[in-house]
Amino acid sequence: VTPAKGEPTGAAVLDGRALLSLRDRKGV
C-alpha cells in the first residue's frame, strides 16, 4: 500500500510510472 493523497479514483501506466486520477485534488 502506497499513500496517495487526494482521493485516488483511477490508474494507468506511462513509461513505467503509475498515473493516478485524484478526485479531491482535481488533477492527475
mmCIF file of all heavy atoms, coordinates in Angstrom:
data_MODEL
# 
_entry.id   MODEL 
# 
loop_
_atom_site.group_PDB 
_atom_site.id 
_atom_site.type_symbol 
_atom_site.label_atom_id 
_atom_site.label_alt_id 
_atom_site.label_comp_id 
_atom_site.label_asym_id 
_atom_site.label_entity_id 
_atom_site.label_seq_id 
_atom_site.pdbx_PDB_ins_code 
_atom_site.Cartn_x 
_atom_site.Cartn_y 
_atom_site.Cartn_z 
_atom_site.occupancy 
_atom_site.B_iso_or_equiv 
_atom_site.pdbx_formal_charge 
_atom_site.auth_seq_id 
_atom_site.auth_comp_id 
_atom_site.auth_asym_id 
_atom_site.auth_atom_id 
_atom_site.pdbx_PDB_model_num 
ATOM 1   N N   . VAL A 1 1  ? 0.841   -1.191 0.000   1.00 0.00 ? 1  VAL A N   1 
ATOM 2   C CA  . VAL A 1 1  ? 0.000   0.000  0.000   1.00 0.00 ? 1  VAL A CA  1 
ATOM 3   C C   . VAL A 1 1  ? 0.877   1.241  0.000   1.00 0.00 ? 1  VAL A C   1 
ATOM 4   O O   . VAL A 1 1  ? 1.792   1.374  0.828   1.00 0.00 ? 1  VAL A O   1 
ATOM 5   C CB  . VAL A 1 1  ? -0.952  0.016  1.213   1.00 0.00 ? 1  VAL A CB  1 
ATOM 6   C CG1 . VAL A 1 1  ? -1.786  1.289  1.222   1.00 0.00 ? 1  VAL A CG1 1 
ATOM 7   C CG2 . VAL A 1 1  ? -1.868  -1.209 1.187   1.00 0.00 ? 1  VAL A CG2 1 
ATOM 8   N N   . THR A 1 2  ? 0.603   2.154  -0.928  1.00 0.00 ? 2  THR A N   1 
ATOM 9   C CA  . THR A 1 2  ? 1.355   3.399  -1.063  1.00 0.00 ? 2  THR A CA  1 
ATOM 10  C C   . THR A 1 2  ? 0.434   4.574  -0.785  1.00 0.00 ? 2  THR A C   1 
ATOM 11  O O   . THR A 1 2  ? -0.665  4.640  -1.342  1.00 0.00 ? 2  THR A O   1 
ATOM 12  C CB  . THR A 1 2  ? 1.928   3.527  -2.493  1.00 0.00 ? 2  THR A CB  1 
ATOM 13  O OG1 . THR A 1 2  ? 2.754   2.404  -2.775  1.00 0.00 ? 2  THR A OG1 1 
ATOM 14  C CG2 . THR A 1 2  ? 2.725   4.808  -2.635  1.00 0.00 ? 2  THR A CG2 1 
ATOM 15  N N   . PRO A 1 3  ? 0.833   5.530  0.053   1.00 0.00 ? 3  PRO A N   1 
ATOM 16  C CA  . PRO A 1 3  ? -0.007  6.717  0.275   1.00 0.00 ? 3  PRO A CA  1 
ATOM 17  C C   . PRO A 1 3  ? -0.199  7.492  -1.027  1.00 0.00 ? 3  PRO A C   1 
ATOM 18  O O   . PRO A 1 3  ? 0.728   7.616  -1.830  1.00 0.00 ? 3  PRO A O   1 
ATOM 19  C CB  . PRO A 1 3  ? 0.797   7.539  1.292   1.00 0.00 ? 3  PRO A CB  1 
ATOM 20  C CG  . PRO A 1 3  ? 1.711   6.548  1.954   1.00 0.00 ? 3  PRO A CG  1 
ATOM 21  C CD  . PRO A 1 3  ? 2.044   5.534  0.904   1.00 0.00 ? 3  PRO A CD  1 
ATOM 22  N N   . ALA A 1 4  ? -1.408  8.002  -1.219  1.00 0.00 ? 4  ALA A N   1 
ATOM 23  C CA  . ALA A 1 4  ? -1.730  8.777  -2.422  1.00 0.00 ? 4  ALA A CA  1 
ATOM 24  C C   . ALA A 1 4  ? -2.773  9.818  -2.045  1.00 0.00 ? 4  ALA A C   1 
ATOM 25  O O   . ALA A 1 4  ? -3.969  9.621  -2.248  1.00 0.00 ? 4  ALA A O   1 
ATOM 26  C CB  . ALA A 1 4  ? -2.221  7.868  -3.541  1.00 0.00 ? 4  ALA A CB  1 
ATOM 27  N N   . LYS A 1 5  ? -2.309  10.925 -1.497  1.00 0.00 ? 5  LYS A N   1 
ATOM 28  C CA  . LYS A 1 5  ? -3.206  11.971 -1.021  1.00 0.00 ? 5  LYS A CA  1 
ATOM 29  C C   . LYS A 1 5  ? -3.995  12.583 -2.171  1.00 0.00 ? 5  LYS A C   1 
ATOM 30  O O   . LYS A 1 5  ? -3.451  12.850 -3.233  1.00 0.00 ? 5  LYS A O   1 
ATOM 31  C CB  . LYS A 1 5  ? -2.397  13.061 -0.313  1.00 0.00 ? 5  LYS A CB  1 
ATOM 32  C CG  . LYS A 1 5  ? -3.234  14.189 0.248   1.00 0.00 ? 5  LYS A CG  1 
ATOM 33  C CD  . LYS A 1 5  ? -2.361  15.248 0.889   1.00 0.00 ? 5  LYS A CD  1 
ATOM 34  C CE  . LYS A 1 5  ? -3.193  16.416 1.396   1.00 0.00 ? 5  LYS A CE  1 
ATOM 35  N NZ  . LYS A 1 5  ? -2.341  17.484 1.995   1.00 0.00 ? 5  LYS A NZ  1 
ATOM 36  N N   . GLY A 1 6  ? -5.307  12.789 -1.942  1.00 0.00 ? 6  GLY A N   1 
ATOM 37  C CA  . GLY A 1 6  ? -6.125  13.454 -2.951  1.00 0.00 ? 6  GLY A CA  1 
ATOM 38  C C   . GLY A 1 6  ? -7.271  12.626 -3.477  1.00 0.00 ? 6  GLY A C   1 
ATOM 39  O O   . GLY A 1 6  ? -7.876  12.959 -4.471  1.00 0.00 ? 6  GLY A O   1 
ATOM 40  N N   . GLU A 1 7  ? -7.595  11.518 -2.814  1.00 0.00 ? 7  GLU A N   1 
ATOM 41  C CA  . GLU A 1 7  ? -8.723  10.654 -3.185  1.00 0.00 ? 7  GLU A CA  1 
ATOM 42  C C   . GLU A 1 7  ? -8.514  10.024 -4.560  1.00 0.00 ? 7  GLU A C   1 
ATOM 43  O O   . GLU A 1 7  ? -9.176  10.361 -5.538  1.00 0.00 ? 7  GLU A O   1 
ATOM 44  C CB  . GLU A 1 7  ? -10.023 11.453 -3.151  1.00 0.00 ? 7  GLU A CB  1 
ATOM 45  C CG  . GLU A 1 7  ? -11.277 10.601 -3.075  1.00 0.00 ? 7  GLU A CG  1 
ATOM 46  C CD  . GLU A 1 7  ? -12.537 11.451 -2.921  1.00 0.00 ? 7  GLU A CD  1 
ATOM 47  O OE1 . GLU A 1 7  ? -12.468 12.553 -2.343  1.00 0.00 ? 7  GLU A OE1 1 
ATOM 48  O OE2 . GLU A 1 7  ? -13.587 10.987 -3.392  1.00 0.00 ? 7  GLU A OE2 1 
ATOM 49  N N   . PRO A 1 8  ? -7.578  9.079  -4.686  1.00 0.00 ? 8  PRO A N   1 
ATOM 50  C CA  . PRO A 1 8  ? -7.312  8.446  -5.978  1.00 0.00 ? 8  PRO A CA  1 
ATOM 51  C C   . PRO A 1 8  ? -8.500  7.601  -6.435  1.00 0.00 ? 8  PRO A C   1 
ATOM 52  O O   . PRO A 1 8  ? -9.109  6.877  -5.652  1.00 0.00 ? 8  PRO A O   1 
ATOM 53  C CB  . PRO A 1 8  ? -6.095  7.567  -5.695  1.00 0.00 ? 8  PRO A CB  1 
ATOM 54  C CG  . PRO A 1 8  ? -6.182  7.269  -4.230  1.00 0.00 ? 8  PRO A CG  1 
ATOM 55  C CD  . PRO A 1 8  ? -6.756  8.504  -3.601  1.00 0.00 ? 8  PRO A CD  1 
ATOM 56  N N   . THR A 1 9  ? -8.816  7.712  -7.720  1.00 0.00 ? 9  THR A N   1 
ATOM 57  C CA  . THR A 1 9  ? -10.002 7.045  -8.255  1.00 0.00 ? 9  THR A CA  1 
ATOM 58  C C   . THR A 1 9  ? -9.703  6.111  -9.412  1.00 0.00 ? 9  THR A C   1 
ATOM 59  O O   . THR A 1 9  ? -10.437 5.156  -9.647  1.00 0.00 ? 9  THR A O   1 
ATOM 60  C CB  . THR A 1 9  ? -11.019 8.091  -8.734  1.00 0.00 ? 9  THR A CB  1 
ATOM 61  O OG1 . THR A 1 9  ? -10.353 8.985  -9.651  1.00 0.00 ? 9  THR A OG1 1 
ATOM 62  C CG2 . THR A 1 9  ? -11.562 8.893  -7.564  1.00 0.00 ? 9  THR A CG2 1 
ATOM 63  N N   . GLY A 1 10 ? -8.661  6.392  -10.174 1.00 0.00 ? 10 GLY A N   1 
ATOM 64  C CA  . GLY A 1 10 ? -8.318  5.575  -11.329 1.00 0.00 ? 10 GLY A CA  1 
ATOM 65  C C   . GLY A 1 10 ? -6.817  5.550  -11.522 1.00 0.00 ? 10 GLY A C   1 
ATOM 66  O O   . GLY A 1 10 ? -6.085  6.375  -10.971 1.00 0.00 ? 10 GLY A O   1 
ATOM 67  N N   . ALA A 1 11 ? -6.335  4.593  -12.318 1.00 0.00 ? 11 ALA A N   1 
ATOM 68  C CA  . ALA A 1 11 ? -4.897  4.432  -12.506 1.00 0.00 ? 11 ALA A CA  1 
ATOM 69  C C   . ALA A 1 11 ? -4.592  4.001  -13.931 1.00 0.00 ? 11 ALA A C   1 
ATOM 70  O O   . ALA A 1 11 ? -5.397  3.344  -14.601 1.00 0.00 ? 11 ALA A O   1 
ATOM 71  C CB  . ALA A 1 11 ? -4.339  3.406  -11.512 1.00 0.00 ? 11 ALA A CB  1 
ATOM 72  N N   . ALA A 1 12 ? -3.407  4.390  -14.393 1.00 0.00 ? 12 ALA A N   1 
ATOM 73  C CA  . ALA A 1 12 ? -2.881  3.964  -15.684 1.00 0.00 ? 12 ALA A CA  1 
ATOM 74  C C   . ALA A 1 12 ? -1.364  3.946  -15.563 1.00 0.00 ? 12 ALA A C   1 
ATOM 75  O O   . ALA A 1 12 ? -0.804  4.385  -14.558 1.00 0.00 ? 12 ALA A O   1 
ATOM 76  C CB  . ALA A 1 12 ? -3.330  4.905  -16.797 1.00 0.00 ? 12 ALA A CB  1 
ATOM 77  N N   . VAL A 1 13 ? -0.688  3.446  -16.585 1.00 0.00 ? 13 VAL A N   1 
ATOM 78  C CA  . VAL A 1 13 ? 0.775   3.363  -16.561 1.00 0.00 ? 13 VAL A CA  1 
ATOM 79  C C   . VAL A 1 13 ? 1.327   4.037  -17.804 1.00 0.00 ? 13 VAL A C   1 
ATOM 80  O O   . VAL A 1 13 ? 0.845   3.805  -18.922 1.00 0.00 ? 13 VAL A O   1 
ATOM 81  C CB  . VAL A 1 13 ? 1.253   1.900  -16.493 1.00 0.00 ? 13 VAL A CB  1 
ATOM 82  C CG1 . VAL A 1 13 ? 2.775   1.829  -16.557 1.00 0.00 ? 13 VAL A CG1 1 
ATOM 83  C CG2 . VAL A 1 13 ? 0.756   1.238  -15.210 1.00 0.00 ? 13 VAL A CG2 1 
ATOM 84  N N   . LEU A 1 14 ? 2.335   4.881  -17.611 1.00 0.00 ? 14 LEU A N   1 
ATOM 85  C CA  . LEU A 1 14 ? 3.006   5.564  -18.709 1.00 0.00 ? 14 LEU A CA  1 
ATOM 86  C C   . LEU A 1 14 ? 4.510   5.527  -18.445 1.00 0.00 ? 14 LEU A C   1 
ATOM 87  O O   . LEU A 1 14 ? 4.980   6.034  -17.421 1.00 0.00 ? 14 LEU A O   1 
ATOM 88  C CB  . LEU A 1 14 ? 2.530   7.013  -18.819 1.00 0.00 ? 14 LEU A CB  1 
ATOM 89  C CG  . LEU A 1 14 ? 3.219   7.871  -19.881 1.00 0.00 ? 14 LEU A CG  1 
ATOM 90  C CD1 . LEU A 1 14 ? 2.924   7.334  -21.281 1.00 0.00 ? 14 LEU A CD1 1 
ATOM 91  C CD2 . LEU A 1 14 ? 2.787   9.326  -19.773 1.00 0.00 ? 14 LEU A CD2 1 
ATOM 92  N N   . ASP A 1 15 ? 5.243   4.896  -19.356 1.00 0.00 ? 15 ASP A N   1 
ATOM 93  C CA  . ASP A 1 15 ? 6.707   4.807  -19.238 1.00 0.00 ? 15 ASP A CA  1 
ATOM 94  C C   . ASP A 1 15 ? 7.137   4.266  -17.878 1.00 0.00 ? 15 ASP A C   1 
ATOM 95  O O   . ASP A 1 15 ? 8.080   4.769  -17.251 1.00 0.00 ? 15 ASP A O   1 
ATOM 96  C CB  . ASP A 1 15 ? 7.338   6.179  -19.476 1.00 0.00 ? 15 ASP A CB  1 
ATOM 97  C CG  . ASP A 1 15 ? 7.064   6.720  -20.867 1.00 0.00 ? 15 ASP A CG  1 
ATOM 98  O OD1 . ASP A 1 15 ? 6.900   5.903  -21.788 1.00 0.00 ? 15 ASP A OD1 1 
ATOM 99  O OD2 . ASP A 1 15 ? 6.995   7.954  -21.023 1.00 0.00 ? 15 ASP A OD2 1 
ATOM 100 N N   . GLY A 1 16 ? 6.437   3.244  -17.403 1.00 0.00 ? 16 GLY A N   1 
ATOM 101 C CA  . GLY A 1 16 ? 6.801   2.598  -16.151 1.00 0.00 ? 16 GLY A CA  1 
ATOM 102 C C   . GLY A 1 16 ? 6.350   3.314  -14.907 1.00 0.00 ? 16 GLY A C   1 
ATOM 103 O O   . GLY A 1 16 ? 6.583   2.836  -13.792 1.00 0.00 ? 16 GLY A O   1 
ATOM 104 N N   . ARG A 1 17 ? 5.694   4.463  -15.036 1.00 0.00 ? 17 ARG A N   1 
ATOM 105 C CA  . ARG A 1 17 ? 5.212   5.218  -13.884 1.00 0.00 ? 17 ARG A CA  1 
ATOM 106 C C   . ARG A 1 17 ? 3.696   5.130  -13.807 1.00 0.00 ? 17 ARG A C   1 
ATOM 107 O O   . ARG A 1 17 ? 3.013   5.151  -14.837 1.00 0.00 ? 17 ARG A O   1 
ATOM 108 C CB  . ARG A 1 17 ? 5.643   6.684  -13.978 1.00 0.00 ? 17 ARG A CB  1 
ATOM 109 C CG  . ARG A 1 17 ? 7.136   6.904  -13.952 1.00 0.00 ? 17 ARG A CG  1 
ATOM 110 C CD  . ARG A 1 17 ? 7.475   8.374  -14.124 1.00 0.00 ? 17 ARG A CD  1 
ATOM 111 N NE  . ARG A 1 17 ? 7.075   8.874  -15.439 1.00 0.00 ? 17 ARG A NE  1 
ATOM 112 C CZ  . ARG A 1 17 ? 7.162   10.146 -15.806 1.00 0.00 ? 17 ARG A CZ  1 
ATOM 113 N NH1 . ARG A 1 17 ? 7.631   11.049 -14.962 1.00 0.00 ? 17 ARG A NH1 1 
ATOM 114 N NH2 . ARG A 1 17 ? 6.796   10.522 -17.019 1.00 0.00 ? 17 ARG A NH2 1 
ATOM 115 N N   . ALA A 1 18 ? 3.198   5.036  -12.592 1.00 0.00 ? 18 ALA A N   1 
ATOM 116 C CA  . ALA A 1 18 ? 1.753   4.994  -12.402 1.00 0.00 ? 18 ALA A CA  1 
ATOM 117 C C   . ALA A 1 18 ? 1.185   6.410  -12.419 1.00 0.00 ? 18 ALA A C   1 
ATOM 118 O O   . ALA A 1 18 ? 1.713   7.320  -11.773 1.00 0.00 ? 18 ALA A O   1 
ATOM 119 C CB  . ALA A 1 18 ? 1.410   4.316  -11.077 1.00 0.00 ? 18 ALA A CB  1 
ATOM 120 N N   . LEU A 1 19 ? 0.109   6.589  -13.162 1.00 0.00 ? 19 LEU A N   1 
ATOM 121 C CA  . LEU A 1 19 ? -0.646  7.835  -13.161 1.00 0.00 ? 19 LEU A CA  1 
ATOM 122 C C   . LEU A 1 19 ? -1.925  7.608  -12.377 1.00 0.00 ? 19 LEU A C   1 
ATOM 123 O O   . LEU A 1 19 ? -2.597  6.586  -12.564 1.00 0.00 ? 19 LEU A O   1 
ATOM 124 C CB  . LEU A 1 19 ? -0.998  8.270  -14.583 1.00 0.00 ? 19 LEU A CB  1 
ATOM 125 C CG  . LEU A 1 19 ? 0.143   8.395  -15.586 1.00 0.00 ? 19 LEU A CG  1 
ATOM 126 C CD1 . LEU A 1 19 ? -0.405  8.896  -16.922 1.00 0.00 ? 19 LEU A CD1 1 
ATOM 127 C CD2 . LEU A 1 19 ? 1.239   9.308  -15.078 1.00 0.00 ? 19 LEU A CD2 1 
ATOM 128 N N   . LEU A 1 20 ? -2.267  8.545  -11.510 1.00 0.00 ? 20 LEU A N   1 
ATOM 129 C CA  . LEU A 1 20 ? -3.464  8.426  -10.693 1.00 0.00 ? 20 LEU A CA  1 
ATOM 130 C C   . LEU A 1 20 ? -4.366  9.631  -10.913 1.00 0.00 ? 20 LEU A C   1 
ATOM 131 O O   . LEU A 1 20 ? -3.905  10.779 -10.834 1.00 0.00 ? 20 LEU A O   1 
ATOM 132 C CB  . LEU A 1 20 ? -3.111  8.342  -9.199  1.00 0.00 ? 20 LEU A CB  1 
ATOM 133 C CG  . LEU A 1 20 ? -2.251  7.175  -8.736  1.00 0.00 ? 20 LEU A CG  1 
ATOM 134 C CD1 . LEU A 1 20 ? -2.022  7.260  -7.231  1.00 0.00 ? 20 LEU A CD1 1 
ATOM 135 C CD2 . LEU A 1 20 ? -2.892  5.850  -9.096  1.00 0.00 ? 20 LEU A CD2 1 
ATOM 136 N N   . SER A 1 21 ? -5.640  9.377  -11.200 1.00 0.00 ? 21 SER A N   1 
ATOM 137 C CA  . SER A 1 21 ? -6.612  10.471 -11.181 1.00 0.00 ? 21 SER A CA  1 
ATOM 138 C C   . SER A 1 21 ? -6.970  10.723 -9.721  1.00 0.00 ? 21 SER A C   1 
ATOM 139 O O   . SER A 1 21 ? -7.248  9.797  -8.957  1.00 0.00 ? 21 SER A O   1 
ATOM 140 C CB  . SER A 1 21 ? -7.849  10.105 -11.995 1.00 0.00 ? 21 SER A CB  1 
ATOM 141 O OG  . SER A 1 21 ? -8.419  8.877  -11.566 1.00 0.00 ? 21 SER A OG  1 
ATOM 142 N N   . LEU A 1 22 ? -6.943  11.998 -9.329  1.00 0.00 ? 22 LEU A N   1 
ATOM 143 C CA  . LEU A 1 22 ? -7.141  12.400 -7.939  1.00 0.00 ? 22 LEU A CA  1 
ATOM 144 C C   . LEU A 1 22 ? -8.377  13.290 -7.871  1.00 0.00 ? 22 LEU A C   1 
ATOM 145 O O   . LEU A 1 22 ? -8.332  14.466 -8.247  1.00 0.00 ? 22 LEU A O   1 
ATOM 146 C CB  . LEU A 1 22 ? -5.913  13.134 -7.409  1.00 0.00 ? 22 LEU A CB  1 
ATOM 147 C CG  . LEU A 1 22 ? -4.596  12.342 -7.490  1.00 0.00 ? 22 LEU A CG  1 
ATOM 148 C CD1 . LEU A 1 22 ? -3.420  13.252 -7.195  1.00 0.00 ? 22 LEU A CD1 1 
ATOM 149 C CD2 . LEU A 1 22 ? -4.620  11.150 -6.545  1.00 0.00 ? 22 LEU A CD2 1 
ATOM 150 N N   . ARG A 1 23 ? -9.464  12.722 -7.407  1.00 0.00 ? 23 ARG A N   1 
ATOM 151 C CA  . ARG A 1 23 ? -10.741 13.439 -7.445  1.00 0.00 ? 23 ARG A CA  1 
ATOM 152 C C   . ARG A 1 23 ? -10.705 14.704 -6.597  1.00 0.00 ? 23 ARG A C   1 
ATOM 153 O O   . ARG A 1 23 ? -11.143 15.779 -7.029  1.00 0.00 ? 23 ARG A O   1 
ATOM 154 C CB  . ARG A 1 23 ? -11.858 12.513 -6.973  1.00 0.00 ? 23 ARG A CB  1 
ATOM 155 C CG  . ARG A 1 23 ? -13.249 13.148 -6.993  1.00 0.00 ? 23 ARG A CG  1 
ATOM 156 C CD  . ARG A 1 23 ? -14.304 12.116 -6.653  1.00 0.00 ? 23 ARG A CD  1 
ATOM 157 N NE  . ARG A 1 23 ? -14.394 11.117 -7.706  1.00 0.00 ? 23 ARG A NE  1 
ATOM 158 C CZ  . ARG A 1 23 ? -14.705 9.829  -7.500  1.00 0.00 ? 23 ARG A CZ  1 
ATOM 159 N NH1 . ARG A 1 23 ? -14.920 9.395  -6.264  1.00 0.00 ? 23 ARG A NH1 1 
ATOM 160 N NH2 . ARG A 1 23 ? -14.795 8.992  -8.511  1.00 0.00 ? 23 ARG A NH2 1 
ATOM 161 N N   . ASP A 1 24 ? -10.185 14.605 -5.387  1.00 0.00 ? 24 ASP A N   1 
ATOM 162 C CA  . ASP A 1 24 ? -10.216 15.745 -4.476  1.00 0.00 ? 24 ASP A CA  1 
ATOM 163 C C   . ASP A 1 24 ? -9.256  16.847 -4.911  1.00 0.00 ? 24 ASP A C   1 
ATOM 164 O O   . ASP A 1 24 ? -9.520  18.042 -4.717  1.00 0.00 ? 24 ASP A O   1 
ATOM 165 C CB  . ASP A 1 24 ? -9.879  15.286 -3.054  1.00 0.00 ? 24 ASP A CB  1 
ATOM 166 C CG  . ASP A 1 24 ? -10.069 16.391 -2.034  1.00 0.00 ? 24 ASP A CG  1 
ATOM 167 O OD1 . ASP A 1 24 ? -11.172 16.955 -1.981  1.00 0.00 ? 24 ASP A OD1 1 
ATOM 168 O OD2 . ASP A 1 24 ? -9.116  16.698 -1.303  1.00 0.00 ? 24 ASP A OD2 1 
ATOM 169 N N   . ARG A 1 25 ? -8.142  16.474 -5.525  1.00 0.00 ? 25 ARG A N   1 
ATOM 170 C CA  . ARG A 1 25 ? -7.161  17.472 -5.969  1.00 0.00 ? 25 ARG A CA  1 
ATOM 171 C C   . ARG A 1 25 ? -7.406  17.925 -7.409  1.00 0.00 ? 25 ARG A C   1 
ATOM 172 O O   . ARG A 1 25 ? -6.668  18.762 -7.939  1.00 0.00 ? 25 ARG A O   1 
ATOM 173 C CB  . ARG A 1 25 ? -5.750  16.908 -5.806  1.00 0.00 ? 25 ARG A CB  1 
ATOM 174 C CG  . ARG A 1 25 ? -5.413  16.605 -4.358  1.00 0.00 ? 25 ARG A CG  1 
ATOM 175 C CD  . ARG A 1 25 ? -4.069  15.932 -4.175  1.00 0.00 ? 25 ARG A CD  1 
ATOM 176 N NE  . ARG A 1 25 ? -2.955  16.862 -4.382  1.00 0.00 ? 25 ARG A NE  1 
ATOM 177 C CZ  . ARG A 1 25 ? -1.682  16.527 -4.150  1.00 0.00 ? 25 ARG A CZ  1 
ATOM 178 N NH1 . ARG A 1 25 ? -1.381  15.297 -3.714  1.00 0.00 ? 25 ARG A NH1 1 
ATOM 179 N NH2 . ARG A 1 25 ? -0.721  17.404 -4.341  1.00 0.00 ? 25 ARG A NH2 1 
ATOM 180 N N   . LYS A 1 26 ? -8.425  17.348 -8.049  1.00 0.00 ? 26 LYS A N   1 
ATOM 181 C CA  . LYS A 1 26 ? -8.855  17.762 -9.389  1.00 0.00 ? 26 LYS A CA  1 
ATOM 182 C C   . LYS A 1 26 ? -7.698  17.729 -10.377 1.00 0.00 ? 26 LYS A C   1 
ATOM 183 O O   . LYS A 1 26 ? -7.471  18.671 -11.143 1.00 0.00 ? 26 LYS A O   1 
ATOM 184 C CB  . LYS A 1 26 ? -9.471  19.164 -9.349  1.00 0.00 ? 26 LYS A CB  1 
ATOM 185 C CG  . LYS A 1 26 ? -10.661 19.301 -8.402  1.00 0.00 ? 26 LYS A CG  1 
ATOM 186 C CD  . LYS A 1 26 ? -11.193 20.718 -8.387  1.00 0.00 ? 26 LYS A CD  1 
ATOM 187 C CE  . LYS A 1 26 ? -12.330 20.857 -7.383  1.00 0.00 ? 26 LYS A CE  1 
ATOM 188 N NZ  . LYS A 1 26 ? -12.874 22.238 -7.339  1.00 0.00 ? 26 LYS A NZ  1 
ATOM 189 N N   . GLY A 1 27 ? -6.973  16.612 -10.349 1.00 0.00 ? 27 GLY A N   1 
ATOM 190 C CA  . GLY A 1 27 ? -5.840  16.515 -11.245 1.00 0.00 ? 27 GLY A CA  1 
ATOM 191 C C   . GLY A 1 27 ? -5.332  15.098 -11.371 1.00 0.00 ? 27 GLY A C   1 
ATOM 192 O O   . GLY A 1 27 ? -5.922  14.144 -10.858 1.00 0.00 ? 27 GLY A O   1 
ATOM 193 N N   . VAL A 1 28 ? -4.210  14.969 -12.060 1.00 0.00 ? 28 VAL A N   1 
ATOM 194 C CA  . VAL A 1 28 ? -3.566  13.668 -12.294 1.00 0.00 ? 28 VAL A CA  1 
ATOM 195 C C   . VAL A 1 28 ? -2.191  13.704 -11.657 1.00 0.00 ? 28 VAL A C   1 
ATOM 196 O O   . VAL A 1 28 ? -1.389  14.622 -11.915 1.00 0.00 ? 28 VAL A O   1 
ATOM 197 C CB  . VAL A 1 28 ? -3.449  13.374 -13.800 1.00 0.00 ? 28 VAL A CB  1 
ATOM 198 C CG1 . VAL A 1 28 ? -2.654  12.093 -14.031 1.00 0.00 ? 28 VAL A CG1 1 
ATOM 199 C CG2 . VAL A 1 28 ? -4.832  13.265 -14.431 1.00 0.00 ? 28 VAL A CG2 1 
# 
